[in-house]
N, C-alpha and C. Protein backbone atom coordinates (compact mmCIF):
# COMPACT_ATOMS: atom_id res chain seq x y z
N MET A 1 119.34 85.67 128.23
CA MET A 1 119.98 84.65 129.07
C MET A 1 119.46 83.29 128.92
N LYS A 2 120.30 82.38 128.64
CA LYS A 2 119.83 80.93 128.50
C LYS A 2 119.66 80.51 129.85
N ASN A 3 118.82 79.42 130.04
CA ASN A 3 118.33 78.71 131.34
C ASN A 3 119.33 78.14 132.04
N ASP A 4 120.39 77.49 131.50
CA ASP A 4 121.66 77.00 132.05
C ASP A 4 122.57 78.08 132.78
N GLU A 5 122.67 79.20 131.98
CA GLU A 5 123.32 80.21 132.70
C GLU A 5 122.45 80.87 134.06
N LYS A 6 121.15 81.00 133.86
CA LYS A 6 120.20 81.31 134.89
C LYS A 6 120.49 80.36 136.08
N LEU A 7 120.30 79.12 135.81
CA LEU A 7 120.57 78.14 136.76
C LEU A 7 121.89 78.03 137.60
N LYS A 8 122.93 78.34 136.92
CA LYS A 8 124.27 78.65 137.46
C LYS A 8 124.40 79.80 138.41
N ILE A 9 123.86 80.72 137.96
CA ILE A 9 123.67 81.97 138.98
C ILE A 9 122.80 81.81 140.03
N LEU A 10 121.72 81.12 140.04
CA LEU A 10 120.97 80.66 141.02
C LEU A 10 121.63 79.72 142.19
N TYR A 11 122.26 78.91 141.52
CA TYR A 11 123.18 77.96 142.46
C TYR A 11 124.42 78.67 143.11
N LYS A 12 124.82 79.66 142.28
CA LYS A 12 125.97 80.40 143.00
C LYS A 12 125.31 81.19 144.29
N TYR A 13 124.30 81.92 143.96
CA TYR A 13 123.72 82.69 145.18
C TYR A 13 123.12 81.78 146.08
N LYS A 14 122.63 80.61 145.93
CA LYS A 14 122.19 79.63 146.89
C LYS A 14 123.50 79.05 147.99
N TYR A 15 124.57 78.83 147.07
CA TYR A 15 125.83 78.36 147.68
C TYR A 15 126.18 79.36 148.69
N LEU A 16 126.35 80.89 148.14
CA LEU A 16 126.73 81.67 149.11
C LEU A 16 125.84 81.98 150.36
N LEU A 17 124.49 81.98 150.14
CA LEU A 17 123.51 82.00 151.16
C LEU A 17 123.68 80.73 152.32
N ASP A 18 123.98 79.69 151.65
CA ASP A 18 124.22 78.48 152.55
C ASP A 18 125.68 78.75 153.45
N ILE A 19 126.37 79.51 152.84
CA ILE A 19 127.76 79.57 153.32
C ILE A 19 127.42 80.92 154.65
N PHE A 20 126.80 81.84 154.06
CA PHE A 20 126.41 82.97 155.16
C PHE A 20 125.66 82.27 156.42
N LEU A 21 124.69 81.60 156.17
CA LEU A 21 124.01 80.92 157.10
C LEU A 21 124.75 80.12 158.02
N LEU A 22 125.72 79.30 157.54
CA LEU A 22 126.38 78.34 158.35
C LEU A 22 127.31 79.33 159.22
N VAL A 23 127.94 80.33 158.49
CA VAL A 23 128.92 81.09 159.51
C VAL A 23 128.16 81.94 160.61
N SER A 24 126.92 82.26 160.16
CA SER A 24 126.29 82.88 161.26
C SER A 24 125.74 82.01 162.21
N ILE A 25 125.35 80.89 162.12
CA ILE A 25 125.04 79.95 163.16
C ILE A 25 126.33 79.73 163.89
N ILE A 26 127.66 79.43 163.41
CA ILE A 26 128.68 79.14 164.26
C ILE A 26 129.14 80.43 164.98
N CYS A 27 128.98 81.53 164.59
CA CYS A 27 129.26 82.61 165.12
C CYS A 27 128.08 82.91 166.44
N ILE A 28 126.94 82.78 166.28
CA ILE A 28 126.09 82.75 167.27
C ILE A 28 126.38 81.82 168.47
N LYS A 29 126.76 80.48 167.99
CA LYS A 29 126.96 79.60 169.00
C LYS A 29 128.23 79.80 169.60
N ALA A 30 129.12 80.30 168.97
CA ALA A 30 130.33 80.56 169.51
C ALA A 30 130.25 81.74 170.69
N TYR A 31 129.51 82.55 170.22
CA TYR A 31 128.90 83.90 171.20
C TYR A 31 128.46 83.49 172.40
N LYS A 32 127.31 82.50 172.23
CA LYS A 32 126.82 81.86 173.40
C LYS A 32 127.66 81.05 174.54
N ILE A 33 128.62 80.47 173.71
CA ILE A 33 129.63 79.74 174.59
C ILE A 33 130.57 80.77 175.28
N PHE A 34 130.95 81.52 174.90
CA PHE A 34 132.01 82.72 175.24
C PHE A 34 131.20 83.65 176.17
N TYR A 35 129.98 84.03 175.95
CA TYR A 35 129.28 84.73 177.02
C TYR A 35 127.69 84.26 177.01
N PRO A 36 127.96 82.97 177.92
CA PRO A 36 126.48 82.28 177.94
C PRO A 36 125.87 82.90 179.28
N THR A 37 124.56 82.42 179.09
CA THR A 37 123.28 82.94 180.22
C THR A 37 123.77 82.04 181.35
N VAL A 38 123.23 82.16 182.44
CA VAL A 38 123.60 81.47 183.61
C VAL A 38 122.41 80.48 183.57
N GLN A 39 122.89 78.96 183.67
CA GLN A 39 122.23 77.89 183.80
C GLN A 39 121.68 77.87 185.18
N LYS A 40 120.40 77.88 185.39
CA LYS A 40 119.65 77.49 186.71
C LYS A 40 119.16 76.25 186.81
N ILE A 41 119.29 75.58 187.78
CA ILE A 41 118.69 74.27 187.95
C ILE A 41 118.34 74.07 189.43
N GLY A 42 116.83 73.74 189.48
CA GLY A 42 116.25 73.38 190.59
C GLY A 42 115.60 74.62 191.29
N LYS A 43 114.61 74.65 192.19
CA LYS A 43 114.04 75.74 192.65
C LYS A 43 114.04 75.79 194.22
N GLY A 44 114.87 75.16 194.77
CA GLY A 44 115.02 75.11 196.39
C GLY A 44 115.49 76.53 196.69
N ASN A 45 115.59 76.75 198.21
CA ASN A 45 116.06 77.99 198.60
C ASN A 45 117.62 77.80 198.97
N ILE A 46 118.15 76.62 199.08
CA ILE A 46 119.62 76.64 199.27
C ILE A 46 120.33 76.88 197.84
N LYS A 47 121.07 77.83 197.77
CA LYS A 47 121.68 78.21 196.47
C LYS A 47 123.23 77.72 196.29
N VAL A 48 123.39 77.03 195.39
CA VAL A 48 124.83 76.79 195.17
C VAL A 48 125.46 77.37 193.85
N ALA A 49 126.43 78.19 194.05
CA ALA A 49 127.12 78.94 193.10
C ALA A 49 128.25 78.16 192.39
N CYS A 50 128.23 77.93 191.20
CA CYS A 50 129.37 77.07 190.46
C CYS A 50 130.30 78.21 189.56
N ILE A 51 131.28 78.76 190.05
CA ILE A 51 132.09 79.61 189.32
C ILE A 51 133.15 78.85 188.50
N GLY A 52 133.14 79.25 187.24
CA GLY A 52 134.47 78.42 186.43
C GLY A 52 134.26 78.73 185.12
N ASP A 53 135.32 77.99 184.57
CA ASP A 53 135.42 78.07 183.01
C ASP A 53 134.56 77.15 182.15
N SER A 54 135.33 76.68 180.83
CA SER A 54 134.24 75.80 180.22
C SER A 54 134.27 74.45 180.51
N ILE A 55 134.94 73.94 181.63
CA ILE A 55 134.69 72.77 182.33
C ILE A 55 133.38 72.60 183.07
N THR A 56 133.25 73.91 183.80
CA THR A 56 131.88 74.19 184.53
C THR A 56 130.87 74.54 183.74
N TYR A 57 131.05 75.12 182.38
CA TYR A 57 129.91 75.35 181.40
C TYR A 57 129.40 74.23 180.79
N GLY A 58 130.39 73.21 180.54
CA GLY A 58 130.10 71.89 180.11
C GLY A 58 130.25 71.76 178.46
N LEU A 59 131.56 72.48 178.07
CA LEU A 59 132.03 72.29 176.55
C LEU A 59 132.03 71.02 176.09
N GLY A 60 132.45 69.88 177.15
CA GLY A 60 132.41 68.55 176.61
C GLY A 60 131.24 67.67 176.30
N VAL A 61 130.05 68.47 176.70
CA VAL A 61 128.69 68.09 176.63
C VAL A 61 127.96 69.05 175.84
N GLU A 62 128.56 69.74 174.96
CA GLU A 62 127.82 70.93 174.37
C GLU A 62 126.34 70.72 173.86
N PHE A 63 126.31 69.56 173.03
CA PHE A 63 124.97 69.10 172.47
C PHE A 63 123.97 68.79 173.42
N ARG A 64 124.36 68.26 174.53
CA ARG A 64 123.48 67.72 175.58
C ARG A 64 123.79 68.49 177.07
N ARG A 65 124.05 69.84 176.73
CA ARG A 65 124.30 70.87 178.13
C ARG A 65 123.42 70.75 179.04
N THR A 66 121.98 70.90 178.56
CA THR A 66 121.12 71.26 179.44
C THR A 66 121.09 70.29 180.41
N PHE A 67 121.43 68.87 180.23
CA PHE A 67 121.14 67.76 181.03
C PHE A 67 122.40 67.13 181.42
N SER A 68 123.51 67.55 180.98
CA SER A 68 124.82 66.78 181.24
C SER A 68 125.98 67.46 181.95
N THR A 69 125.85 68.62 182.43
CA THR A 69 126.93 69.35 182.88
C THR A 69 126.94 68.81 184.59
N TYR A 70 128.09 69.02 185.17
CA TYR A 70 128.17 68.61 186.46
C TYR A 70 127.40 69.52 187.20
N PRO A 71 127.35 70.83 187.28
CA PRO A 71 126.33 71.57 187.83
C PRO A 71 125.05 70.96 187.71
N TYR A 72 124.40 70.54 186.70
CA TYR A 72 123.05 70.04 186.53
C TYR A 72 123.00 68.87 187.20
N MET A 73 123.99 67.94 187.09
CA MET A 73 123.85 66.66 187.84
C MET A 73 124.12 66.69 189.44
N LEU A 74 124.65 67.76 189.84
CA LEU A 74 124.78 67.96 191.30
C LEU A 74 123.71 68.45 191.97
N ALA A 75 122.89 69.26 191.06
CA ALA A 75 121.47 69.92 191.69
C ALA A 75 120.64 68.84 191.69
N LYS A 76 120.65 67.51 190.79
CA LYS A 76 119.79 66.46 190.95
C LYS A 76 120.33 65.57 192.27
N LEU A 77 121.62 65.38 192.56
CA LEU A 77 121.92 64.54 193.49
C LEU A 77 121.63 65.37 194.87
N LEU A 78 121.69 66.75 194.85
CA LEU A 78 121.35 67.39 196.05
C LEU A 78 120.10 67.52 196.50
N GLY A 79 119.13 67.38 195.59
CA GLY A 79 117.85 67.21 195.91
C GLY A 79 117.07 68.60 195.76
N LYS A 80 115.73 68.44 196.27
CA LYS A 80 114.73 69.68 195.87
C LYS A 80 115.06 70.87 196.71
N LYS A 81 115.72 70.80 197.73
CA LYS A 81 115.98 71.88 198.64
C LYS A 81 116.91 72.84 198.03
N TYR A 82 117.69 72.38 197.06
CA TYR A 82 118.93 72.94 196.27
C TYR A 82 118.41 73.86 195.13
N ARG A 83 119.24 74.91 194.78
CA ARG A 83 119.15 75.43 193.50
C ARG A 83 120.61 75.57 193.03
N VAL A 84 120.97 75.22 191.81
CA VAL A 84 122.45 75.38 191.33
C VAL A 84 122.69 76.24 190.11
N LEU A 85 123.50 76.95 190.39
CA LEU A 85 123.51 78.13 189.43
C LEU A 85 124.92 77.85 188.81
N ASN A 86 124.89 77.74 187.55
CA ASN A 86 126.12 77.47 186.66
C ASN A 86 126.72 78.89 186.01
N TYR A 87 127.85 79.33 186.75
CA TYR A 87 128.26 80.47 186.01
C TYR A 87 129.75 80.11 185.26
N GLY A 88 129.70 79.08 184.66
CA GLY A 88 130.66 78.58 183.79
C GLY A 88 130.83 79.50 182.39
N ALA A 89 131.92 79.81 181.90
CA ALA A 89 132.28 80.63 180.81
C ALA A 89 133.42 80.08 180.08
N SER A 90 133.28 79.82 178.82
CA SER A 90 134.39 78.94 178.13
C SER A 90 135.58 79.96 177.99
N SER A 91 136.83 79.40 178.13
CA SER A 91 138.37 79.98 178.06
C SER A 91 138.82 81.12 179.01
N ARG A 92 138.06 81.10 179.91
CA ARG A 92 138.37 82.26 180.78
C ARG A 92 139.22 81.87 181.96
N THR A 93 139.93 82.95 182.15
CA THR A 93 141.20 82.76 183.47
C THR A 93 140.77 83.47 184.55
N LEU A 94 141.07 83.03 185.64
CA LEU A 94 141.06 84.05 186.83
C LEU A 94 141.98 85.12 186.72
N LEU A 95 143.07 85.03 186.18
CA LEU A 95 143.98 86.10 186.01
C LEU A 95 143.33 87.21 185.09
N SER A 96 143.35 88.56 185.76
CA SER A 96 142.90 89.69 184.86
C SER A 96 143.49 90.08 183.69
N SER A 97 145.10 89.59 183.87
CA SER A 97 145.90 89.85 182.70
C SER A 97 145.97 88.52 181.65
N GLY A 98 145.14 87.67 181.91
CA GLY A 98 144.92 86.47 180.86
C GLY A 98 144.28 86.87 179.73
N ASN A 99 144.47 85.76 178.59
CA ASN A 99 143.91 86.36 177.08
C ASN A 99 142.47 86.53 177.25
N HIS A 100 141.50 85.72 178.25
CA HIS A 100 140.08 86.03 178.53
C HIS A 100 139.79 86.14 179.78
N PRO A 101 139.84 87.17 180.54
CA PRO A 101 139.31 87.18 182.10
C PRO A 101 138.37 86.84 182.45
N TYR A 102 137.95 85.91 183.40
CA TYR A 102 136.47 85.77 183.94
C TYR A 102 135.74 86.93 184.34
N ARG A 103 136.43 87.90 185.05
CA ARG A 103 135.88 88.97 185.32
C ARG A 103 135.03 89.69 184.26
N GLU A 104 135.45 89.62 183.16
CA GLU A 104 134.82 90.24 182.05
C GLU A 104 133.42 90.03 181.70
N THR A 105 133.14 88.55 182.19
CA THR A 105 131.78 88.09 181.98
C THR A 105 130.66 88.67 183.17
N LYS A 106 131.16 89.35 184.01
CA LYS A 106 130.31 90.13 184.99
C LYS A 106 129.51 88.94 186.06
N PHE A 107 129.93 87.62 185.74
CA PHE A 107 129.17 86.42 186.61
C PHE A 107 129.93 86.63 188.21
N ILE A 108 131.04 87.18 188.31
CA ILE A 108 131.32 87.44 189.86
C ILE A 108 130.13 88.38 190.48
N GLU A 109 129.87 89.48 190.00
CA GLU A 109 128.86 90.45 190.55
C GLU A 109 127.52 89.97 190.44
N GLN A 110 127.19 89.17 189.50
CA GLN A 110 125.92 88.57 189.59
C GLN A 110 125.88 87.47 190.52
N SER A 111 126.77 86.61 190.87
CA SER A 111 126.67 85.42 191.88
C SER A 111 126.88 86.03 193.39
N LEU A 112 127.82 87.17 193.39
CA LEU A 112 127.48 87.69 194.53
C LEU A 112 126.16 88.38 195.10
N SER A 113 125.72 88.98 194.03
CA SER A 113 124.29 89.37 194.19
C SER A 113 123.16 88.43 194.55
N GLU A 114 123.61 87.36 194.18
CA GLU A 114 122.56 86.17 194.68
C GLU A 114 122.81 85.62 196.06
N ASN A 115 123.79 86.18 196.71
CA ASN A 115 124.12 85.87 198.10
C ASN A 115 124.07 84.25 198.16
N PRO A 116 124.63 83.62 197.68
CA PRO A 116 124.60 81.95 197.58
C PRO A 116 124.97 81.45 198.91
N ASP A 117 124.52 80.32 199.13
CA ASP A 117 124.57 79.51 200.53
C ASP A 117 125.96 78.80 200.45
N ILE A 118 126.27 78.47 199.14
CA ILE A 118 127.55 77.45 199.02
C ILE A 118 128.15 78.27 197.60
N VAL A 119 129.55 78.21 197.46
CA VAL A 119 130.36 78.95 196.45
C VAL A 119 131.42 77.73 196.22
N ILE A 120 131.39 77.36 194.94
CA ILE A 120 132.21 76.45 194.45
C ILE A 120 133.18 77.20 193.19
N ILE A 121 134.33 77.35 193.52
CA ILE A 121 135.34 78.15 192.56
C ILE A 121 136.12 77.09 191.89
N MET A 122 136.17 77.11 190.69
CA MET A 122 137.23 76.44 189.92
C MET A 122 137.86 77.26 188.74
N LEU A 123 138.73 78.00 188.64
CA LEU A 123 139.35 78.56 187.63
C LEU A 123 140.90 78.39 187.73
N GLY A 124 141.62 78.08 186.67
CA GLY A 124 143.05 77.69 186.60
C GLY A 124 143.47 76.97 185.67
N SER A 125 142.69 76.21 184.86
CA SER A 125 142.92 75.53 183.45
C SER A 125 143.47 76.37 182.46
N ASN A 126 142.79 77.46 182.11
CA ASN A 126 143.23 78.43 181.03
C ASN A 126 144.36 79.44 181.39
N ASP A 127 144.28 79.78 182.98
CA ASP A 127 145.61 80.24 183.38
C ASP A 127 146.87 79.45 183.27
N SER A 128 146.86 78.18 183.09
CA SER A 128 147.88 77.34 182.68
C SER A 128 148.69 77.53 181.78
N LYS A 129 148.17 78.18 180.81
CA LYS A 129 148.85 78.34 179.33
C LYS A 129 149.97 79.37 179.54
N ALA A 130 150.99 79.08 178.68
CA ALA A 130 152.40 79.66 178.79
C ALA A 130 151.89 81.21 178.56
N ILE A 131 151.08 81.37 177.81
CA ILE A 131 150.53 82.97 177.40
C ILE A 131 150.22 83.60 178.71
N ASN A 132 149.54 82.85 179.52
CA ASN A 132 148.84 83.38 180.66
C ASN A 132 149.46 83.33 181.87
N TRP A 133 150.18 82.26 182.22
CA TRP A 133 150.72 82.13 183.56
C TRP A 133 151.56 83.06 184.27
N ASN A 134 151.20 83.38 185.43
CA ASN A 134 151.98 84.29 186.33
C ASN A 134 151.71 83.74 187.95
N ALA A 135 152.49 82.99 188.49
CA ALA A 135 152.13 82.29 189.79
C ALA A 135 151.67 83.35 190.74
N LYS A 136 152.65 84.46 191.03
CA LYS A 136 152.58 85.49 191.92
C LYS A 136 151.12 86.16 191.86
N LYS A 137 150.87 86.47 190.73
CA LYS A 137 149.47 87.38 190.44
C LYS A 137 148.18 86.31 190.48
N TYR A 138 148.60 84.96 190.19
CA TYR A 138 147.28 84.25 190.24
C TYR A 138 146.72 84.03 191.63
N LYS A 139 147.94 83.79 192.52
CA LYS A 139 147.44 83.72 194.06
C LYS A 139 147.14 84.96 194.65
N GLU A 140 147.40 86.00 194.38
CA GLU A 140 146.99 87.52 194.60
C GLU A 140 145.67 87.66 194.01
N GLU A 141 145.38 87.26 193.07
CA GLU A 141 144.01 87.71 192.53
C GLU A 141 143.02 86.41 193.02
N TYR A 142 143.57 85.39 193.31
CA TYR A 142 142.43 84.27 193.87
C TYR A 142 142.07 84.75 195.29
N LEU A 143 143.15 85.16 195.96
CA LEU A 143 142.79 85.55 197.41
C LEU A 143 141.93 86.71 197.32
N LYS A 144 141.89 87.89 196.47
CA LYS A 144 141.14 88.61 196.41
C LYS A 144 139.53 88.23 196.11
N LEU A 145 139.60 87.22 195.16
CA LEU A 145 138.33 86.69 194.90
C LEU A 145 137.64 86.00 196.11
N ILE A 146 138.47 85.40 196.81
CA ILE A 146 137.78 84.66 197.79
C ILE A 146 137.35 85.63 198.90
N LYS A 147 138.16 86.58 199.13
CA LYS A 147 137.91 87.63 200.16
C LYS A 147 136.70 88.29 199.99
N ALA A 148 136.35 88.46 198.56
CA ALA A 148 135.21 89.20 198.12
C ALA A 148 133.93 88.65 198.49
N TYR A 149 133.90 87.30 198.44
CA TYR A 149 133.04 86.40 198.79
C TYR A 149 132.66 86.18 200.30
N GLN A 150 133.93 86.45 201.05
CA GLN A 150 133.69 85.89 202.34
C GLN A 150 133.22 87.35 202.98
N ILE A 151 133.37 88.62 202.38
CA ILE A 151 133.00 89.72 202.96
C ILE A 151 131.58 90.04 202.53
N LEU A 152 131.31 89.84 201.24
CA LEU A 152 129.67 90.15 200.82
C LEU A 152 128.94 89.20 201.09
N CYS A 153 129.40 87.93 201.23
CA CYS A 153 128.51 86.60 201.58
C CYS A 153 129.02 85.95 202.93
N LYS A 154 128.80 86.81 203.74
CA LYS A 154 129.42 86.13 205.16
C LYS A 154 128.95 84.84 205.56
N ASN A 155 127.71 84.52 205.00
CA ASN A 155 127.13 83.16 205.51
C ASN A 155 127.53 81.97 204.50
N SER A 156 128.20 82.36 203.40
CA SER A 156 128.60 81.17 202.32
C SER A 156 129.66 80.42 202.82
N LYS A 157 129.29 79.14 202.49
CA LYS A 157 130.41 78.16 202.71
C LYS A 157 130.96 78.09 201.29
N ILE A 158 132.47 78.28 201.39
CA ILE A 158 133.18 78.62 200.03
C ILE A 158 134.14 77.27 199.99
N TYR A 159 133.96 76.74 198.62
CA TYR A 159 135.10 75.72 198.42
C TYR A 159 136.05 76.29 197.18
N ILE A 160 137.04 76.01 197.21
CA ILE A 160 137.92 76.36 195.86
C ILE A 160 138.49 74.87 195.35
N MET A 161 138.13 74.53 194.14
CA MET A 161 138.38 73.33 193.60
C MET A 161 139.60 73.16 192.84
N THR A 162 140.61 72.30 192.86
CA THR A 162 141.58 72.29 191.84
C THR A 162 141.08 71.80 190.70
N PRO A 163 141.71 72.65 189.44
CA PRO A 163 141.26 71.77 188.11
C PRO A 163 141.53 70.31 187.94
N PRO A 164 140.95 69.70 187.05
CA PRO A 164 141.14 68.21 186.75
C PRO A 164 142.47 68.11 186.05
N ARG A 165 142.80 67.10 186.31
CA ARG A 165 144.16 66.86 185.30
C ARG A 165 143.80 67.15 183.82
N ALA A 166 144.91 67.32 183.36
CA ALA A 166 144.82 67.63 181.86
C ALA A 166 145.53 66.65 180.91
N PHE A 167 144.76 65.87 180.19
CA PHE A 167 145.28 64.91 179.48
C PHE A 167 145.51 65.19 177.91
N ALA A 168 145.33 66.31 177.47
CA ALA A 168 145.48 66.75 176.34
C ALA A 168 147.14 66.70 175.88
N LYS A 169 147.53 66.25 174.71
CA LYS A 169 148.89 66.13 174.41
C LYS A 169 149.36 67.22 173.49
N VAL A 170 148.75 68.23 173.21
CA VAL A 170 149.06 69.36 172.63
C VAL A 170 149.85 70.39 173.53
N LYS A 171 150.81 70.80 172.98
CA LYS A 171 151.76 71.48 173.92
C LYS A 171 152.37 72.85 173.18
N ASN A 172 151.89 73.98 173.36
CA ASN A 172 152.12 75.34 172.67
C ASN A 172 152.02 76.34 173.72
N GLU A 173 152.13 77.36 173.39
CA GLU A 173 152.01 78.31 174.38
C GLU A 173 150.52 78.80 174.62
N LYS A 174 149.69 78.32 173.81
CA LYS A 174 148.24 78.58 173.95
C LYS A 174 147.48 77.52 174.38
N SER A 175 148.32 76.23 174.81
CA SER A 175 147.62 75.13 175.48
C SER A 175 147.61 75.02 176.83
N ILE A 176 146.67 74.28 177.52
CA ILE A 176 146.68 74.04 178.83
C ILE A 176 147.67 73.08 179.21
N GLN A 177 148.49 73.40 180.35
CA GLN A 177 149.80 72.82 180.63
C GLN A 177 149.24 71.93 182.02
N ASN A 178 149.37 70.58 181.95
CA ASN A 178 149.19 69.89 183.13
C ASN A 178 150.38 69.99 184.14
N LYS A 179 151.59 70.21 183.49
CA LYS A 179 152.59 70.47 184.55
C LYS A 179 152.50 71.75 185.44
N ILE A 180 151.63 72.63 184.98
CA ILE A 180 151.65 73.87 185.61
C ILE A 180 150.55 73.55 186.84
N ILE A 181 149.41 72.93 186.12
CA ILE A 181 148.34 72.54 187.03
C ILE A 181 148.65 71.77 188.27
N LYS A 182 149.48 70.79 188.09
CA LYS A 182 149.89 69.90 188.78
C LYS A 182 150.99 70.36 189.99
N ASN A 183 152.02 71.15 189.38
CA ASN A 183 153.21 71.49 190.33
C ASN A 183 152.89 73.19 190.98
N GLU A 184 152.05 73.76 190.25
CA GLU A 184 151.99 75.22 190.68
C GLU A 184 150.54 75.72 191.27
N ILE A 185 149.68 75.26 190.25
CA ILE A 185 148.19 75.55 190.55
C ILE A 185 147.59 74.94 191.72
N CYS A 186 147.82 73.72 192.01
CA CYS A 186 147.15 72.80 193.12
C CYS A 186 147.91 73.14 194.32
N PRO A 187 149.23 73.41 194.33
CA PRO A 187 149.86 73.96 195.88
C PRO A 187 149.48 75.25 195.95
N ILE A 188 149.24 76.13 195.00
CA ILE A 188 148.66 77.43 195.55
C ILE A 188 147.22 77.39 196.06
N ILE A 189 146.38 76.67 195.39
CA ILE A 189 145.09 76.57 195.92
C ILE A 189 145.00 75.78 197.45
N ASN A 190 146.11 74.89 197.67
CA ASN A 190 146.03 74.30 199.02
C ASN A 190 146.55 75.49 199.99
N GLU A 191 147.56 76.43 199.57
CA GLU A 191 148.08 77.37 200.33
C GLU A 191 146.96 78.35 200.52
N LEU A 192 146.11 78.64 199.63
CA LEU A 192 145.04 79.85 199.84
C LEU A 192 143.86 79.11 200.84
N SER A 193 143.81 77.81 200.63
CA SER A 193 142.86 77.09 201.73
C SER A 193 143.42 77.21 203.24
N LEU A 194 144.57 77.34 203.43
CA LEU A 194 145.18 77.41 204.78
C LEU A 194 145.07 78.73 205.33
N GLU A 195 145.08 79.82 204.38
CA GLU A 195 145.22 81.00 204.53
C GLU A 195 143.93 81.67 204.95
N THR A 196 143.07 81.18 204.24
CA THR A 196 141.56 81.99 204.19
C THR A 196 140.69 80.88 205.25
N GLY A 197 141.00 79.60 205.13
CA GLY A 197 139.92 78.80 206.00
C GLY A 197 138.99 78.16 205.13
N VAL A 198 139.10 78.41 203.79
CA VAL A 198 138.03 77.68 203.06
C VAL A 198 138.55 76.40 202.40
N GLU A 199 137.76 75.27 202.02
CA GLU A 199 137.88 73.90 202.03
C GLU A 199 138.30 73.76 200.62
N VAL A 200 139.09 72.76 200.32
CA VAL A 200 139.61 72.49 199.03
C VAL A 200 138.58 71.34 198.59
N ILE A 201 138.37 71.33 197.30
CA ILE A 201 137.99 70.02 196.74
C ILE A 201 138.96 69.55 195.62
N ASP A 202 139.60 68.55 195.90
CA ASP A 202 140.89 68.00 195.08
C ASP A 202 140.40 67.34 193.98
N LEU A 203 139.89 68.23 192.86
CA LEU A 203 139.31 67.59 191.59
C LEU A 203 140.65 66.90 190.88
N TYR A 204 141.72 67.56 190.90
CA TYR A 204 142.95 66.75 190.44
C TYR A 204 143.28 65.61 190.72
N LYS A 205 143.28 65.19 191.97
CA LYS A 205 143.58 64.07 192.67
C LYS A 205 142.43 62.92 192.03
N PHE A 206 141.01 63.49 192.24
CA PHE A 206 140.13 62.50 191.79
C PHE A 206 140.24 62.10 190.28
N THR A 207 140.75 62.85 189.43
CA THR A 207 140.68 62.76 188.13
C THR A 207 142.03 62.18 187.49
N ARG A 208 143.08 62.15 188.27
CA ARG A 208 144.53 61.87 187.89
C ARG A 208 144.48 60.65 186.87
N LYS A 209 143.86 59.84 187.06
CA LYS A 209 143.95 58.42 186.50
C LYS A 209 142.86 58.09 185.61
N ARG A 210 141.93 59.17 185.30
CA ARG A 210 140.70 58.66 184.51
C ARG A 210 140.66 59.50 183.28
N PRO A 211 141.57 59.37 182.19
CA PRO A 211 141.37 59.96 180.85
C PRO A 211 140.17 59.77 180.21
N GLN A 212 139.60 58.34 180.42
CA GLN A 212 138.17 57.94 179.93
C GLN A 212 137.18 58.77 180.18
N TRP A 213 137.41 59.60 181.31
CA TRP A 213 136.15 60.79 181.57
C TRP A 213 136.09 61.96 181.01
N PHE A 214 137.26 62.04 179.91
CA PHE A 214 137.25 63.24 179.06
C PHE A 214 137.06 63.33 177.68
N PHE A 215 136.03 64.36 177.07
CA PHE A 215 135.98 64.25 175.73
C PHE A 215 137.14 64.43 174.89
N ASP A 216 137.95 65.42 175.38
CA ASP A 216 139.19 65.77 174.34
C ASP A 216 140.39 65.90 175.41
N GLY A 217 140.41 65.24 176.42
CA GLY A 217 141.60 65.24 177.39
C GLY A 217 141.47 66.63 178.29
N ILE A 218 140.55 67.46 178.11
CA ILE A 218 140.54 68.69 178.89
C ILE A 218 139.03 68.64 179.60
N HIS A 219 138.06 68.46 178.59
CA HIS A 219 136.65 68.64 178.83
C HIS A 219 136.02 67.56 179.47
N PRO A 220 135.41 67.22 180.64
CA PRO A 220 134.82 66.14 181.08
C PRO A 220 133.64 65.72 180.09
N ASN A 221 133.56 64.58 179.65
CA ASN A 221 132.30 64.03 178.93
C ASN A 221 131.21 63.64 179.96
N ARG A 222 129.94 63.06 179.43
CA ARG A 222 128.94 62.93 180.25
C ARG A 222 129.24 62.05 181.79
N LYS A 223 129.82 60.94 181.29
CA LYS A 223 130.31 60.00 182.58
C LYS A 223 131.33 60.74 183.37
N GLY A 224 132.37 61.59 182.84
CA GLY A 224 133.07 62.30 183.75
C GLY A 224 132.39 63.34 184.66
N ASN A 225 131.43 63.85 183.98
CA ASN A 225 130.59 64.86 184.84
C ASN A 225 129.66 64.19 185.96
N ILE A 226 129.27 62.90 185.68
CA ILE A 226 128.55 61.90 186.62
C ILE A 226 129.37 61.78 187.86
N PHE A 227 130.63 61.32 187.44
CA PHE A 227 131.50 61.08 188.57
C PHE A 227 131.99 62.46 189.38
N ILE A 228 132.18 63.42 188.58
CA ILE A 228 132.67 64.66 189.27
C ILE A 228 131.52 65.27 190.22
N ALA A 229 130.28 65.23 189.70
CA ALA A 229 129.18 65.88 190.49
C ALA A 229 129.03 64.91 191.77
N ASN A 230 129.13 63.66 191.81
CA ASN A 230 128.94 62.99 192.78
C ASN A 230 130.01 62.88 193.90
N TYR A 231 131.03 63.31 193.33
CA TYR A 231 132.51 63.56 194.26
C TYR A 231 132.21 64.81 194.82
N ILE A 232 131.53 65.88 194.33
CA ILE A 232 131.39 67.19 194.87
C ILE A 232 130.38 67.01 195.95
N ALA A 233 129.18 66.32 195.53
CA ALA A 233 128.12 66.23 196.47
C ALA A 233 128.40 65.37 197.56
N SER A 234 129.27 64.40 197.49
CA SER A 234 129.77 63.92 198.77
C SER A 234 130.47 64.69 200.08
N ILE A 235 131.05 65.80 199.25
CA ILE A 235 131.63 66.68 200.11
C ILE A 235 130.94 67.72 200.50
N ILE A 236 129.91 68.33 199.74
CA ILE A 236 129.45 69.56 200.40
C ILE A 236 127.91 69.14 201.10
N ASP A 237 127.48 67.96 200.64
CA ASP A 237 126.27 67.72 201.30
C ASP A 237 126.37 67.31 202.78
């Protein structure tokens, strides 16, 4: 075999190896986003559990996630007495019938076992997709979730947070629908507040005129997370 032919074979195998490594890295990263570990910030005795989807996880600041999620910034604002636990998981729905139910992460069970002093729940953005949305079931399942924390974490202060405004312009059955968030999800969350006695954090209202706070129209960028963390801290502190 001539040297040129050998080189061609070597380059071919190197190319295939590079592709394999790249695909492996992408798959590992996707798995970590989809099934993340809990981000724990602070060492204080007052525990704050942040329950949510990719907005809570920090997908809009993925490459700086350690220091740029709103739960991380919230912990820094609250101070040394607090410990914030980020239970965010990408693409998750509150609806068990959704395409990626939050319950599959087991974060609900983990957060309940922590017996947190403060619980902040924000699930609904992914539920607004046409393939997922069911208003009746959303309210029923949200009520059950609130009741679970009220029963098992009797001393916890619970907040239910409306999703932020969705500025993304893509509109298909798999896209997040701002119309559903505004006209159906936010009213349901307010109804649940009245029915259960938990407090609402109106993130939709807070972000409705701030498209510059979002990386892609859905996920807050670092600046957005700073403002969101400050807003939440002003309510729960």
